[in-house]
Amino acid sequence: MMFCRPIPGFPFYYDNTCLLLLLKGMCLRYMKRAGEAEECFRKVISLQKELKDDTWLPPYATYELGVLHWAEGRNDKAIVALENSK
C-alpha cells in the first residue's frame, strides 16, 4: 500500500507537511492527547515563512491551538491565540 507523504526538495514540501500536521493535531485533540496536538499546531505556525501557497494553514493552526487551550481551561492563552488567528 502506498502512502501519501511529502517528499523533501519538492516545491510544496512545506505546504504538504503543514497540512498533514494540522490534520494530525486536530485528530490528536479529539483523542484527548493535548500535548501532542499542541506540538503539531506549533510546528505549523513555526513553518509559516516556508509556505508557498497554503498561507491559510498557520491561522487555522493558531485557531485550533486557541480552542485546545480553551478546552483545557487555559483561558488567557486561549484568548491570545484566538486573537492572533484573525
PDB file of N, CA and C in Angstrom:
ATOM      1  N   MET A   1       0.839  -1.175   0.000  1.00  0.00           N
ATOM      2  CA  MET A   1       0.000   0.000   0.000  1.00  0.00           C
ATOM      3  C   MET A   1       0.887   1.241   0.000  1.00  0.00           C
ATOM      4  N   MET A   2       0.540   2.195  -0.807  1.00  0.00           N
ATOM      5  CA  MET A   2       1.309   3.425  -0.925  1.00  0.00           C
ATOM      6  C   MET A   2       0.688   4.529  -0.066  1.00  0.00           C
ATOM      7  N   PHE A   3       1.522   5.242   0.657  1.00  0.00           N
ATOM      8  CA  PHE A   3       1.033   6.334   1.484  1.00  0.00           C
ATOM      9  C   PHE A   3       1.450   7.660   0.864  1.00  0.00           C
ATOM     10  N   CYS A   4       0.598   8.628   1.020  1.00  0.00           N
ATOM     11  CA  CYS A   4       0.902   9.967   0.521  1.00  0.00           C
ATOM     12  C   CYS A   4       1.671  10.698   1.609  1.00  0.00           C
ATOM     13  N   ARG A   5       2.907  11.042   1.303  1.00  0.00           N
ATOM     14  CA  ARG A   5       3.667  11.824   2.269  1.00  0.00           C
ATOM     15  C   ARG A   5       4.578  12.778   1.529  1.00  0.00           C
ATOM     16  N   PRO A   6       4.834  13.909   2.129  1.00  0.00           N
ATOM     17  CA  PRO A   6       5.662  14.922   1.472  1.00  0.00           C
ATOM     18  C   PRO A   6       7.076  14.411   1.206  1.00  0.00           C
ATOM     19  N   ILE A   7       7.635  14.821   0.089  1.00  0.00           N
ATOM     20  CA  ILE A   7       8.989  14.433  -0.278  1.00  0.00           C
ATOM     21  C   ILE A   7       9.859  15.688  -0.237  1.00  0.00           C
ATOM     22  N   PRO A   8      10.922  15.674   0.603  1.00  0.00           N
ATOM     23  CA  PRO A   8      11.798  16.845   0.699  1.00  0.00           C
ATOM     24  C   PRO A   8      12.363  17.226  -0.673  1.00  0.00           C
ATOM     25  N   GLY A   9      12.458  18.529  -0.909  1.00  0.00           N
ATOM     26  CA  GLY A   9      13.007  19.022  -2.152  1.00  0.00           C
ATOM     27  C   GLY A   9      11.956  19.398  -3.185  1.00  0.00           C
ATOM     28  N   PHE A  10      10.739  18.932  -3.021  1.00  0.00           N
ATOM     29  CA  PHE A  10       9.684  19.301  -3.949  1.00  0.00           C
ATOM     30  C   PHE A  10       9.157  20.695  -3.578  1.00  0.00           C
ATOM     31  N   PRO A  11       8.636  21.429  -4.558  1.00  0.00           N
ATOM     32  CA  PRO A  11       8.252  22.837  -4.319  1.00  0.00           C
ATOM     33  C   PRO A  11       7.245  23.039  -3.189  1.00  0.00           C
ATOM     34  N   PHE A  12       6.346  22.111  -2.992  1.00  0.00           N
ATOM     35  CA  PHE A  12       5.302  22.303  -1.983  1.00  0.00           C
ATOM     36  C   PHE A  12       5.493  21.387  -0.780  1.00  0.00           C
ATOM     37  N   TYR A  13       6.719  21.047  -0.510  1.00  0.00           N
ATOM     38  CA  TYR A  13       7.018  20.158   0.622  1.00  0.00           C
ATOM     39  C   TYR A  13       6.462  20.716   1.933  1.00  0.00           C
ATOM     40  N   TYR A  14       6.749  21.971   2.222  1.00  0.00           N
ATOM     41  CA  TYR A  14       6.309  22.557   3.494  1.00  0.00           C
ATOM     42  C   TYR A  14       4.796  22.742   3.534  1.00  0.00           C
ATOM     43  N   ASP A  15       4.191  23.068   2.420  1.00  0.00           N
ATOM     44  CA  ASP A  15       2.731  23.209   2.369  1.00  0.00           C
ATOM     45  C   ASP A  15       2.077  21.864   2.716  1.00  0.00           C
ATOM     46  N   ASN A  16       2.570  20.805   2.105  1.00  0.00           N
ATOM     47  CA  ASN A  16       2.009  19.476   2.354  1.00  0.00           C
ATOM     48  C   ASN A  16       2.268  19.012   3.785  1.00  0.00           C
ATOM     49  N   THR A  17       3.485  19.260   4.267  1.00  0.00           N
ATOM     50  CA  THR A  17       3.829  18.879   5.632  1.00  0.00           C
ATOM     51  C   THR A  17       2.945  19.594   6.641  1.00  0.00           C
ATOM     52  N   CYS A  18       2.741  20.883   6.446  1.00  0.00           N
ATOM     53  CA  CYS A  18       1.917  21.661   7.377  1.00  0.00           C
ATOM     54  C   CYS A  18       0.457  21.210   7.349  1.00  0.00           C
ATOM     55  N   LEU A  19      -0.046  20.882   6.176  1.00  0.00           N
ATOM     56  CA  LEU A  19      -1.421  20.394   6.092  1.00  0.00           C
ATOM     57  C   LEU A  19      -1.563  19.094   6.864  1.00  0.00           C
ATOM     58  N   LEU A  20      -0.617  18.190   6.686  1.00  0.00           N
ATOM     59  CA  LEU A  20      -0.665  16.923   7.423  1.00  0.00           C
ATOM     60  C   LEU A  20      -0.538  17.144   8.924  1.00  0.00           C
ATOM     61  N   LEU A  21       0.327  18.069   9.328  1.00  0.00           N
ATOM     62  CA  LEU A  21       0.479  18.361  10.762  1.00  0.00           C
ATOM     63  C   LEU A  21      -0.789  18.969  11.348  1.00  0.00           C
ATOM     64  N   LEU A  22      -1.446  19.843  10.604  1.00  0.00           N
ATOM     65  CA  LEU A  22      -2.689  20.446  11.085  1.00  0.00           C
ATOM     66  C   LEU A  22      -3.750  19.370  11.285  1.00  0.00           C
ATOM     67  N   LEU A  23      -3.896  18.500  10.317  1.00  0.00           N
ATOM     68  CA  LEU A  23      -4.896  17.427  10.425  1.00  0.00           C
ATOM     69  C   LEU A  23      -4.546  16.453  11.546  1.00  0.00           C
ATOM     70  N   LYS A  24      -3.275  16.137  11.677  1.00  0.00           N
ATOM     71  CA  LYS A  24      -2.832  15.250  12.755  1.00  0.00           C
ATOM     72  C   LYS A  24      -3.132  15.884  14.113  1.00  0.00           C
ATOM     73  N   GLY A  25      -2.834  17.172  14.244  1.00  0.00           N
ATOM     74  CA  GLY A  25      -3.104  17.870  15.503  1.00  0.00           C
ATOM     75  C   GLY A  25      -4.582  17.882  15.851  1.00  0.00           C
ATOM     76  N   MET A  26      -5.423  18.067  14.838  1.00  0.00           N
ATOM     77  CA  MET A  26      -6.867  18.068  15.091  1.00  0.00           C
ATOM     78  C   MET A  26      -7.328  16.686  15.553  1.00  0.00           C
ATOM     79  N   CYS A  27      -6.821  15.646  14.933  1.00  0.00           N
ATOM     80  CA  CYS A  27      -7.167  14.284  15.351  1.00  0.00           C
ATOM     81  C   CYS A  27      -6.706  14.023  16.778  1.00  0.00           C
ATOM     82  N   LEU A  28      -5.481  14.436  17.088  1.00  0.00           N
ATOM     83  CA  LEU A  28      -4.954  14.241  18.433  1.00  0.00           C
ATOM     84  C   LEU A  28      -5.776  15.008  19.469  1.00  0.00           C
ATOM     85  N   ARG A  29      -6.241  16.196  19.101  1.00  0.00           N
ATOM     86  CA  ARG A  29      -7.060  16.976  20.030  1.00  0.00           C
ATOM     87  C   ARG A  29      -8.338  16.227  20.374  1.00  0.00           C
ATOM     88  N   TYR A  30      -8.967  15.633  19.373  1.00  0.00           N
ATOM     89  CA  TYR A  30     -10.198  14.880  19.616  1.00  0.00           C
ATOM     90  C   TYR A  30      -9.936  13.577  20.359  1.00  0.00           C
ATOM     91  N   MET A  31      -8.705  13.098  20.294  1.00  0.00           N
ATOM     92  CA  MET A  31      -8.323  11.885  21.018  1.00  0.00           C
ATOM     93  C   MET A  31      -7.860  12.197  22.441  1.00  0.00           C
ATOM     94  N   LYS A  32      -7.987  13.481  22.845  1.00  0.00           N
ATOM     95  CA  LYS A  32      -7.601  13.949  24.186  1.00  0.00           C
ATOM     96  C   LYS A  32      -6.099  13.802  24.444  1.00  0.00           C
ATOM     97  N   ARG A  33      -5.287  14.005  23.412  1.00  0.00           N
ATOM     98  CA  ARG A  33      -3.832  13.978  23.540  1.00  0.00           C
ATOM     99  C   ARG A  33      -3.326  15.392  23.274  1.00  0.00           C
ATOM    100  N   ALA A  34      -3.611  16.259  24.230  1.00  0.00           N
ATOM    101  CA  ALA A  34      -3.395  17.698  24.079  1.00  0.00           C
ATOM    102  C   ALA A  34      -1.940  18.075  23.846  1.00  0.00           C
ATOM    103  N   GLY A  35      -1.027  17.456  24.534  1.00  0.00           N
ATOM    104  CA  GLY A  35       0.380  17.809  24.389  1.00  0.00           C
ATOM    105  C   GLY A  35       0.894  17.564  22.975  1.00  0.00           C
ATOM    106  N   GLU A  36       0.536  16.421  22.430  1.00  0.00           N
ATOM    107  CA  GLU A  36       0.959  16.092  21.071  1.00  0.00           C
ATOM    108  C   GLU A  36       0.274  16.991  20.045  1.00  0.00           C
ATOM    109  N   ALA A  37      -1.000  17.296  20.286  1.00  0.00           N
ATOM    110  CA  ALA A  37      -1.734  18.187  19.386  1.00  0.00           C
ATOM    111  C   ALA A  37      -1.103  19.571  19.379  1.00  0.00           C
ATOM    112  N   GLU A  38      -0.757  20.064  20.553  1.00  0.00           N
ATOM    113  CA  GLU A  38      -0.143  21.386  20.652  1.00  0.00           C
ATOM    114  C   GLU A  38       1.185  21.424  19.885  1.00  0.00           C
ATOM    115  N   GLU A  39       1.967  20.359  19.973  1.00  0.00           N
ATOM    116  CA  GLU A  39       3.222  20.286  19.222  1.00  0.00           C
ATOM    117  C   GLU A  39       2.990  20.437  17.728  1.00  0.00           C
ATOM    118  N   CYS A  40       1.987  19.739  17.216  1.00  0.00           N
ATOM    119  CA  CYS A  40       1.668  19.798  15.788  1.00  0.00           C
ATOM    120  C   CYS A  40       1.276  21.213  15.378  1.00  0.00           C
ATOM    121  N   PHE A  41       0.408  21.834  16.154  1.00  0.00           N
ATOM    122  CA  PHE A  41      -0.049  23.185  15.820  1.00  0.00           C
ATOM    123  C   PHE A  41       1.110  24.182  15.857  1.00  0.00           C
ATOM    124  N   ARG A  42       1.967  24.055  16.858  1.00  0.00           N
ATOM    125  CA  ARG A  42       3.105  24.972  16.969  1.00  0.00           C
ATOM    126  C   ARG A  42       4.104  24.770  15.825  1.00  0.00           C
ATOM    127  N   LYS A  43       4.264  23.546  15.372  1.00  0.00           N
ATOM    128  CA  LYS A  43       5.163  23.287  14.247  1.00  0.00           C
ATOM    129  C   LYS A  43       4.638  23.951  12.974  1.00  0.00           C
ATOM    130  N   VAL A  44       3.322  23.872  12.750  1.00  0.00           N
ATOM    131  CA  VAL A  44       2.724  24.536  11.586  1.00  0.00           C
ATOM    132  C   VAL A  44       2.981  26.036  11.652  1.00  0.00           C
ATOM    133  N   ILE A  45       2.766  26.620  12.818  1.00  0.00           N
ATOM    134  CA  ILE A  45       2.964  28.060  12.997  1.00  0.00           C
ATOM    135  C   ILE A  45       4.428  28.429  12.754  1.00  0.00           C
ATOM    136  N   SER A  46       5.345  27.575  13.208  1.00  0.00           N
ATOM    137  CA  SER A  46       6.774  27.880  13.056  1.00  0.00           C
ATOM    138  C   SER A  46       7.252  27.795  11.607  1.00  0.00           C
ATOM    139  N   LEU A  47       6.546  27.051  10.768  1.00  0.00           N
ATOM    140  CA  LEU A  47       6.931  26.901   9.363  1.00  0.00           C
ATOM    141  C   LEU A  47       6.239  27.913   8.445  1.00  0.00           C
ATOM    142  N   GLN A  48       5.620  28.922   9.014  1.00  0.00           N
ATOM    143  CA  GLN A  48       4.849  29.906   8.259  1.00  0.00           C
ATOM    144  C   GLN A  48       5.626  30.528   7.103  1.00  0.00           C
ATOM    145  N   LYS A  49       6.871  30.864   7.325  1.00  0.00           N
ATOM    146  CA  LYS A  49       7.666  31.548   6.285  1.00  0.00           C
ATOM    147  C   LYS A  49       8.058  30.637   5.133  1.00  0.00           C
ATOM    148  N   GLU A  50       7.951  29.341   5.331  1.00  0.00           N
ATOM    149  CA  GLU A  50       8.346  28.382   4.298  1.00  0.00           C
ATOM    150  C   GLU A  50       7.216  28.080   3.306  1.00  0.00           C
ATOM    151  N   LEU A  51       5.991  28.478   3.625  1.00  0.00           N
ATOM    152  CA  LEU A  51       4.835  28.122   2.797  1.00  0.00           C
ATOM    153  C   LEU A  51       4.803  28.927   1.507  1.00  0.00           C
ATOM    154  N   LYS A  52       4.381  28.265   0.437  1.00  0.00           N
ATOM    155  CA  LYS A  52       4.277  28.919  -0.869  1.00  0.00           C
ATOM    156  C   LYS A  52       2.840  29.348  -1.163  1.00  0.00           C
ATOM    157  N   ASP A  53       1.912  28.424  -1.126  1.00  0.00           N
ATOM    158  CA  ASP A  53       0.518  28.722  -1.473  1.00  0.00           C
ATOM    159  C   ASP A  53      -0.443  28.645  -0.288  1.00  0.00           C
ATOM    160  N   ASP A  54      -0.246  27.688   0.573  1.00  0.00           N
ATOM    161  CA  ASP A  54      -1.212  27.431   1.642  1.00  0.00           C
ATOM    162  C   ASP A  54      -0.963  28.304   2.868  1.00  0.00           C
ATOM    163  N   THR A  55      -0.991  29.608   2.652  1.00  0.00           N
ATOM    164  CA  THR A  55      -0.716  30.549   3.741  1.00  0.00           C
ATOM    165  C   THR A  55      -1.845  30.614   4.759  1.00  0.00           C
ATOM    166  N   TRP A  56      -2.929  29.933   4.500  1.00  0.00           N
ATOM    167  CA  TRP A  56      -4.055  29.893   5.435  1.00  0.00           C
ATOM    168  C   TRP A  56      -3.808  28.886   6.561  1.00  0.00           C
ATOM    169  N   LEU A  57      -2.817  28.031   6.426  1.00  0.00           N
ATOM    170  CA  LEU A  57      -2.586  26.985   7.434  1.00  0.00           C
ATOM    171  C   LEU A  57      -2.180  27.523   8.814  1.00  0.00           C
ATOM    172  N   PRO A  58      -1.237  28.455   8.922  1.00  0.00           N
ATOM    173  CA  PRO A  58      -0.882  28.951  10.254  1.00  0.00           C
ATOM    174  C   PRO A  58      -2.037  29.611  11.014  1.00  0.00           C
ATOM    175  N   PRO A  59      -2.892  30.443  10.366  1.00  0.00           N
ATOM    176  CA  PRO A  59      -4.022  30.977  11.122  1.00  0.00           C
ATOM    177  C   PRO A  59      -4.979  29.884  11.628  1.00  0.00           C
ATOM    178  N   TYR A  60      -5.191  28.857  10.827  1.00  0.00           N
ATOM    179  CA  TYR A  60      -6.044  27.755  11.276  1.00  0.00           C
ATOM    180  C   TYR A  60      -5.394  26.996  12.425  1.00  0.00           C
ATOM    181  N   ALA A  61      -4.081  26.794  12.354  1.00  0.00           N
ATOM    182  CA  ALA A  61      -3.370  26.121  13.438  1.00  0.00           C
ATOM    183  C   ALA A  61      -3.435  26.960  14.710  1.00  0.00           C
ATOM    184  N   THR A  62      -3.334  28.274  14.566  1.00  0.00           N
ATOM    185  CA  THR A  62      -3.428  29.166  15.725  1.00  0.00           C
ATOM    186  C   THR A  62      -4.820  29.102  16.337  1.00  0.00           C
ATOM    187  N   TYR A  63      -5.846  29.061  15.498  1.00  0.00           N
ATOM    188  CA  TYR A  63      -7.222  28.924  15.980  1.00  0.00           C
ATOM    189  C   TYR A  63      -7.398  27.608  16.739  1.00  0.00           C
ATOM    190  N   GLU A  64      -6.914  26.526  16.142  1.00  0.00           N
ATOM    191  CA  GLU A  64      -7.032  25.217  16.794  1.00  0.00           C
ATOM    192  C   GLU A  64      -6.288  25.185  18.119  1.00  0.00           C
ATOM    193  N   LEU A  65      -5.149  25.859  18.169  1.00  0.00           N
ATOM    194  CA  LEU A  65      -4.396  25.959  19.419  1.00  0.00           C
ATOM    195  C   LEU A  65      -5.216  26.710  20.468  1.00  0.00           C
ATOM    196  N   GLY A  66      -5.892  27.772  20.051  1.00  0.00           N
ATOM    197  CA  GLY A  66      -6.758  28.507  20.972  1.00  0.00           C
ATOM    198  C   GLY A  66      -7.903  27.663  21.489  1.00  0.00           C
ATOM    199  N   VAL A  67      -8.511  26.894  20.627  1.00  0.00           N
ATOM    200  CA  VAL A  67      -9.606  26.007  21.037  1.00  0.00           C
ATOM    201  C   VAL A  67      -9.093  24.951  22.008  1.00  0.00           C
ATOM    202  N   LEU A  68      -7.895  24.442  21.747  1.00  0.00           N
ATOM    203  CA  LEU A  68      -7.282  23.454  22.640  1.00  0.00           C
ATOM    204  C   LEU A  68      -7.057  24.049  24.022  1.00  0.00           C
ATOM    205  N   HIS A  69      -6.499  25.262  24.059  1.00  0.00           N
ATOM    206  CA  HIS A  69      -6.277  25.928  25.346  1.00  0.00           C
ATOM    207  C   HIS A  69      -7.596  26.168  26.074  1.00  0.00           C
ATOM    208  N   TRP A  70      -8.596  26.590  25.338  1.00  0.00           N
ATOM    209  CA  TRP A  70      -9.906  26.870  25.943  1.00  0.00           C
ATOM    210  C   TRP A  70     -10.492  25.604  26.571  1.00  0.00           C
ATOM    211  N   ALA A  71     -10.393  24.499  25.849  1.00  0.00           N
ATOM    212  CA  ALA A  71     -10.933  23.225  26.349  1.00  0.00           C
ATOM    213  C   ALA A  71     -10.214  22.753  27.611  1.00  0.00           C
ATOM    214  N   GLU A  72      -8.967  23.168  27.751  1.00  0.00           N
ATOM    215  CA  GLU A  72      -8.196  22.778  28.931  1.00  0.00           C
ATOM    216  C   GLU A  72      -8.293  23.789  30.061  1.00  0.00           C
ATOM    217  N   GLY A  73      -9.068  24.853  29.866  1.00  0.00           N
ATOM    218  CA  GLY A  73      -9.256  25.847  30.916  1.00  0.00           C
ATOM    219  C   GLY A  73      -8.159  26.898  30.981  1.00  0.00           C
ATOM    220  N   ARG A  74      -7.278  26.921  30.001  1.00  0.00           N
ATOM    221  CA  ARG A  74      -6.225  27.946  29.958  1.00  0.00           C
ATOM    222  C   ARG A  74      -6.758  29.124  29.150  1.00  0.00           C
ATOM    223  N   ASN A  75      -7.702  29.816  29.733  1.00  0.00           N
ATOM    224  CA  ASN A  75      -8.441  30.858  29.016  1.00  0.00           C
ATOM    225  C   ASN A  75      -7.587  32.040  28.568  1.00  0.00           C
ATOM    226  N   ASP A  76      -6.598  32.427  29.366  1.00  0.00           N
ATOM    227  CA  ASP A  76      -5.734  33.547  28.974  1.00  0.00           C
ATOM    228  C   ASP A  76      -4.981  33.220  27.691  1.00  0.00           C
ATOM    229  N   LYS A  77      -4.396  32.030  27.648  1.00  0.00           N
ATOM    230  CA  LYS A  77      -3.676  31.602  26.445  1.00  0.00           C
ATOM    231  C   LYS A  77      -4.636  31.441  25.272  1.00  0.00           C
ATOM    232  N   ALA A  78      -5.835  30.960  25.564  1.00  0.00           N
ATOM    233  CA  ALA A  78      -6.829  30.756  24.507  1.00  0.00           C
ATOM    234  C   ALA A  78      -7.215  32.078  23.852  1.00  0.00           C
ATOM    235  N   ILE A  79      -7.441  33.078  24.657  1.00  0.00           N
ATOM    236  CA  ILE A  79      -7.842  34.383  24.130  1.00  0.00           C
ATOM    237  C   ILE A  79      -6.736  34.968  23.260  1.00  0.00           C
ATOM    238  N   VAL A  80      -5.495  34.866  23.706  1.00  0.00           N
ATOM    239  CA  VAL A  80      -4.365  35.380  22.928  1.00  0.00           C
ATOM    240  C   VAL A  80      -4.269  34.648  21.589  1.00  0.00           C
ATOM    241  N   ALA A  81      -4.367  33.323  21.605  1.00  0.00           N
ATOM    242  CA  ALA A  81      -4.270  32.539  20.366  1.00  0.00           C
ATOM    243  C   ALA A  81      -5.425  32.858  19.428  1.00  0.00           C
ATOM    244  N   LEU A  82      -6.628  32.979  19.962  1.00  0.00           N
ATOM    245  CA  LEU A  82      -7.773  33.265  19.113  1.00  0.00           C
ATOM    246  C   LEU A  82      -7.684  34.660  18.516  1.00  0.00           C
ATOM    247  N   GLU A  83      -7.188  35.618  19.273  1.00  0.00           N
ATOM    248  CA  GLU A  83      -6.982  36.964  18.731  1.00  0.00           C
ATOM    249  C   GLU A  83      -5.926  36.958  17.630  1.00  0.00           C
ATOM    250  N   ASN A  84      -4.866  36.173  17.821  1.00  0.00           N
ATOM    251  CA  ASN A  84      -3.792  36.098  16.822  1.00  0.00           C
ATOM    252  C   ASN A  84      -4.200  35.362  15.561  1.00  0.00           C
ATOM    253  N   SER A  85      -5.249  34.587  15.626  1.00  0.00           N
ATOM    254  CA  SER A  85      -5.668  33.795  14.461  1.00  0.00           C
ATOM    255  C   SER A  85      -6.407  34.627  13.423  1.00  0.00           C
ATOM    256  N   LYS A  86      -6.758  35.853  13.765  1.00  0.00           N
ATOM    257  CA  LYS A  86      -7.512  36.706  12.829  1.00  0.00           C
ATOM    258  C   LYS A  86      -6.721  37.032  11.596  1.00  0.00           C
TER     259      LYS A  86
END
